[in-house]
Amino acid sequence: MASAETHRGFIPAMGQGRDWLLPIYDPLTTLFGMRRVRRTLLEQAALSSPSRVLDVGCGTGSLAVLIKQRHPNVDVVALDPDARALAKGLRKARQADVSIHFDRGFADALPYPDGSFDRVFSSAMFHHLERDEKSQALHEIRRVLKPGGRFHLVDFVASSTIGPPSRMHSYHRLTENAPHDVLGFLTQAGFADATIAAEGALLAGRLRIAYFQGTA
């Protein structure tokens, strides 16, 4: 597990000030229905082998492990600023008997050369970023994608009808996660055909999600 410059604050998976709840993160997200969300994200991506993919904001590594299990010939790299979550992801990969390279770092300062990946994934991470971090992260993601490479994103999105989907997340960040705003961020970052691939709801409609994709 490699480490980049990490002397910065970040919002952990369970929300600000709740990093001590990390041990229940996986069962809680499973209860919310995130296992199905990750499967749908991967099915929409239609990965081909061999290829090299990056999971940005990988958390405890659930998506990265799923990618490697479904596509053994794909080279998977996973990045997150949370050392505890990365350690959990590494244990999960070992238990699943899959090889994944875990790096510690930030989405808006990716420690990889230009054109390093065929695909980049992001699952329920984008809403953790401030507005300027969102913009910079997407520019970085486009930079590390090969020409014609694709970015696949799923995240909680704001809804004017049900209000903030969860107390786990900062409401002002979620208000910037309306679908048209995310599409705007993608377009500004230079993704050629930013689209909403699908929308849905979790936990009896309380958690609204959307899938986005774009080509570098």
Protein backbone atom coordinates (compact mmCIF):
# COMPACT_ATOMS: atom_id res chain seq x y z
CA MET A 1 0.00 0.00 0.00
CA ALA A 2 1.62 3.22 -1.19
CA SER A 3 1.18 6.63 0.42
CA ALA A 4 1.17 10.14 -1.10
CA GLU A 5 1.19 13.51 0.67
CA THR A 6 -1.67 13.30 3.20
CA HIS A 7 -1.19 16.25 5.59
CA ARG A 8 -4.71 17.49 4.88
CA GLY A 9 -8.09 17.10 6.43
CA PHE A 10 -10.77 14.94 4.82
CA ILE A 11 -14.26 13.70 5.53
CA PRO A 12 -14.21 10.00 6.46
CA ALA A 13 -16.73 7.53 5.07
CA MET A 14 -19.13 7.86 8.02
CA GLY A 15 -19.01 11.66 8.01
CA GLN A 16 -17.11 14.39 9.82
CA GLY A 17 -16.17 13.42 13.37
CA ARG A 18 -17.54 9.90 13.01
CA ASP A 19 -14.43 8.01 11.92
CA TRP A 20 -14.80 5.83 15.01
CA LEU A 21 -17.89 4.33 13.32
CA LEU A 22 -15.81 2.85 10.49
CA PRO A 23 -16.28 -0.76 11.76
CA ILE A 24 -20.01 -0.55 10.98
CA TYR A 25 -19.59 1.18 7.61
CA ASP A 26 -19.80 -1.98 5.50
CA PRO A 27 -22.89 -3.49 7.19
CA LEU A 28 -24.61 -0.09 7.20
CA THR A 29 -24.04 0.55 3.49
CA THR A 30 -25.19 -2.99 2.73
CA LEU A 31 -28.40 -2.23 4.63
CA PHE A 32 -28.85 0.93 2.56
CA GLY A 33 -28.53 -1.11 -0.65
CA MET A 34 -25.08 -0.01 -1.80
CA ARG A 35 -24.10 -3.55 -2.83
CA ARG A 36 -26.74 -3.39 -5.57
CA VAL A 37 -25.62 0.13 -6.49
CA ARG A 38 -22.03 -1.01 -7.01
CA ARG A 39 -23.13 -4.00 -9.10
CA THR A 40 -25.21 -1.71 -11.32
CA LEU A 41 -22.32 0.73 -11.71
CA LEU A 42 -20.00 -2.06 -12.81
CA GLU A 43 -22.56 -3.56 -15.21
CA GLN A 44 -23.04 -0.17 -16.88
CA ALA A 45 -19.29 0.20 -17.31
CA ALA A 46 -19.09 -3.00 -19.40
CA LEU A 47 -15.39 -3.48 -18.67
CA SER A 48 -13.23 -5.40 -21.11
CA SER A 49 -10.00 -7.21 -20.29
CA PRO A 50 -7.18 -6.42 -20.11
CA SER A 51 -7.47 -2.86 -18.86
CA ARG A 52 -6.32 -0.71 -15.97
CA VAL A 53 -8.85 0.97 -13.69
CA LEU A 54 -8.75 3.38 -10.76
CA ASP A 55 -11.28 3.50 -7.91
CA VAL A 56 -11.14 7.07 -6.51
CA GLY A 57 -12.25 7.45 -2.90
CA CYS A 58 -12.33 3.69 -2.56
CA GLY A 59 -13.15 3.71 1.16
CA THR A 60 -13.05 0.15 2.48
CA GLY A 61 -12.47 -1.26 -1.00
CA SER A 62 -15.84 -2.88 -1.72
CA LEU A 63 -16.07 -1.66 -5.32
CA ALA A 64 -12.41 -2.39 -6.05
CA VAL A 65 -12.80 -5.96 -4.78
CA LEU A 66 -15.96 -6.45 -6.82
CA ILE A 67 -14.22 -5.21 -9.98
CA LYS A 68 -11.34 -7.62 -9.46
CA GLN A 69 -13.65 -10.55 -8.69
CA ARG A 70 -15.75 -9.93 -11.81
CA HIS A 71 -12.76 -9.13 -14.04
CA PRO A 72 -9.62 -10.99 -12.83
CA ASN A 73 -7.52 -9.73 -15.78
CA VAL A 74 -8.20 -6.07 -15.00
CA ASP A 75 -5.45 -4.22 -13.11
CA VAL A 76 -7.17 -2.43 -10.21
CA VAL A 77 -5.76 0.55 -8.30
CA ALA A 78 -7.69 2.01 -5.34
CA LEU A 79 -7.07 5.39 -3.71
CA ASP A 80 -8.37 7.04 -0.51
CA PRO A 81 -7.01 9.52 2.07
CA ASP A 82 -8.20 7.42 5.03
CA ALA A 83 -5.46 5.04 6.20
CA ARG A 84 -7.88 3.06 8.38
CA ALA A 85 -10.30 2.51 5.51
CA LEU A 86 -7.42 1.47 3.23
CA ALA A 87 -6.21 -1.06 5.81
CA LYS A 88 -9.70 -2.51 5.95
CA GLY A 89 -9.80 -2.64 2.15
CA LEU A 90 -6.47 -4.44 2.04
CA ARG A 91 -7.74 -7.06 4.50
CA LYS A 92 -10.90 -7.45 2.44
CA ALA A 93 -8.88 -8.00 -0.75
CA ARG A 94 -6.72 -10.61 0.94
CA GLN A 95 -9.79 -12.43 2.24
CA ALA A 96 -11.23 -12.43 -1.28
CA ASP A 97 -7.87 -13.63 -2.64
CA VAL A 98 -7.61 -10.79 -5.16
CA SER A 99 -4.69 -8.48 -5.93
CA ILE A 100 -5.42 -4.74 -5.65
CA HIS A 101 -2.91 -1.89 -5.34
CA PHE A 102 -4.02 0.51 -2.58
CA ASP A 103 -2.69 4.09 -2.46
CA ARG A 104 -3.24 6.82 0.09
CA GLY A 105 -3.99 10.17 -1.53
CA PHE A 106 -6.59 12.73 -2.60
CA ALA A 107 -8.86 12.87 -5.63
CA ASP A 108 -7.81 16.42 -6.50
CA ALA A 109 -4.09 15.55 -6.53
CA LEU A 110 -3.84 12.11 -8.08
CA PRO A 111 -0.32 10.63 -7.83
CA TYR A 112 -0.35 9.09 -11.31
CA PRO A 113 1.04 10.11 -14.71
CA ASP A 114 -1.16 11.40 -17.52
CA GLY A 115 -3.08 8.70 -19.37
CA SER A 116 -2.54 5.98 -16.77
CA PHE A 117 -6.01 4.38 -16.77
CA ASP A 118 -8.62 3.05 -19.18
CA ARG A 119 -11.43 3.64 -16.67
CA VAL A 120 -11.92 5.57 -13.44
CA PHE A 121 -14.70 4.81 -10.96
CA SER A 122 -16.12 6.79 -8.05
CA SER A 123 -18.75 5.37 -5.70
CA ALA A 124 -20.50 7.59 -3.09
CA MET A 125 -17.46 9.85 -2.67
CA PHE A 126 -18.11 12.97 -4.77
CA HIS A 127 -20.47 14.60 -2.25
CA HIS A 128 -17.65 14.64 0.34
CA LEU A 129 -15.80 17.29 -1.68
CA GLU A 130 -16.12 21.07 -1.55
CA ARG A 131 -17.02 22.83 -4.79
CA ASP A 132 -13.44 23.73 -5.76
CA GLU A 133 -12.29 20.22 -4.84
CA LYS A 134 -14.96 18.72 -7.08
CA SER A 135 -13.73 20.75 -10.05
CA GLN A 136 -10.07 19.96 -9.44
CA ALA A 137 -10.76 16.27 -8.82
CA LEU A 138 -12.58 15.92 -12.14
CA HIS A 139 -9.76 17.68 -13.98
CA GLU A 140 -7.33 15.26 -12.34
CA ILE A 141 -9.47 12.26 -13.25
CA ARG A 142 -9.64 13.38 -16.87
CA ARG A 143 -5.86 13.89 -16.85
CA VAL A 144 -5.07 10.34 -15.72
CA LEU A 145 -7.52 8.78 -18.18
CA LYS A 146 -6.23 7.60 -21.53
CA PRO A 147 -7.71 9.32 -24.61
CA GLY A 148 -11.19 7.86 -25.00
CA GLY A 149 -11.13 6.47 -21.47
CA ARG A 150 -14.32 6.66 -19.43
CA PHE A 151 -15.26 7.90 -15.99
CA HIS A 152 -18.12 6.20 -14.11
CA LEU A 153 -19.62 7.96 -11.08
CA VAL A 154 -22.45 7.10 -8.70
CA ASP A 155 -23.37 9.32 -5.79
CA PHE A 156 -26.10 10.63 -3.55
CA VAL A 157 -27.82 13.60 -5.16
CA ALA A 158 -29.89 16.42 -3.72
CA SER A 159 -33.67 16.28 -3.99
CA SER A 160 -35.93 19.30 -3.56
CA THR A 161 -38.81 17.05 -2.48
CA ILE A 162 -37.27 15.05 0.35
CA GLY A 163 -34.49 17.34 1.59
CA PRO A 164 -31.09 16.08 2.72
CA PRO A 165 -30.88 12.29 2.35
CA SER A 166 -28.85 11.61 5.46
CA ARG A 167 -27.46 13.30 8.58
CA MET A 168 -24.22 11.49 7.79
CA HIS A 169 -23.51 14.02 5.04
CA SER A 170 -23.04 17.77 4.93
CA TYR A 171 -26.16 19.37 3.45
CA HIS A 172 -24.33 22.23 1.72
CA ARG A 173 -22.22 19.66 -0.16
CA LEU A 174 -25.33 17.71 -1.17
CA THR A 175 -26.98 20.83 -2.56
CA GLU A 176 -24.14 20.95 -5.10
CA ASN A 177 -24.91 17.36 -6.04
CA ALA A 178 -28.09 17.95 -7.98
CA PRO A 179 -27.76 16.01 -11.25
CA HIS A 180 -27.51 19.12 -13.46
CA ASP A 181 -24.73 20.45 -11.22
CA VAL A 182 -22.72 17.24 -11.48
CA LEU A 183 -23.15 17.27 -15.26
CA GLY A 184 -21.91 20.85 -15.25
CA PHE A 185 -18.80 19.88 -13.29
CA LEU A 186 -18.11 17.04 -15.73
CA THR A 187 -18.54 19.26 -18.78
CA GLN A 188 -16.31 21.98 -17.32
CA ALA A 189 -13.62 19.37 -16.68
CA GLY A 190 -13.64 18.47 -20.37
CA PHE A 191 -15.61 15.22 -20.44
CA ALA A 192 -16.99 15.00 -23.94
CA ASP A 193 -20.34 13.29 -23.46
CA ALA A 194 -21.30 13.68 -19.80
CA THR A 195 -24.62 11.96 -19.25
CA ILE A 196 -26.86 10.62 -16.51
CA ALA A 197 -26.81 6.87 -17.07
CA ALA A 198 -29.55 6.07 -14.52
CA GLU A 199 -31.26 7.30 -11.37
CA GLY A 200 -32.76 5.46 -8.44
CA ALA A 201 -33.57 5.48 -4.75
CA LEU A 202 -32.39 3.60 -1.69
CA LEU A 203 -33.93 2.93 1.73
CA ALA A 204 -37.56 3.46 0.77
CA GLY A 205 -36.71 6.47 -1.38
CA ARG A 206 -34.95 8.42 1.36
CA LEU A 207 -31.55 8.16 -0.33
CA ARG A 208 -31.59 9.34 -3.94
CA ILE A 209 -28.73 8.26 -6.19
CA ALA A 210 -27.64 8.94 -9.76
CA TYR A 211 -25.14 7.34 -12.12
CA PHE A 212 -23.03 9.56 -14.37
CA GLN A 213 -20.47 8.85 -17.07
CA GLY A 214 -18.25 10.77 -19.45
CA THR A 215 -15.45 10.23 -21.97
CA ALA A 216 -12.02 11.82 -21.69
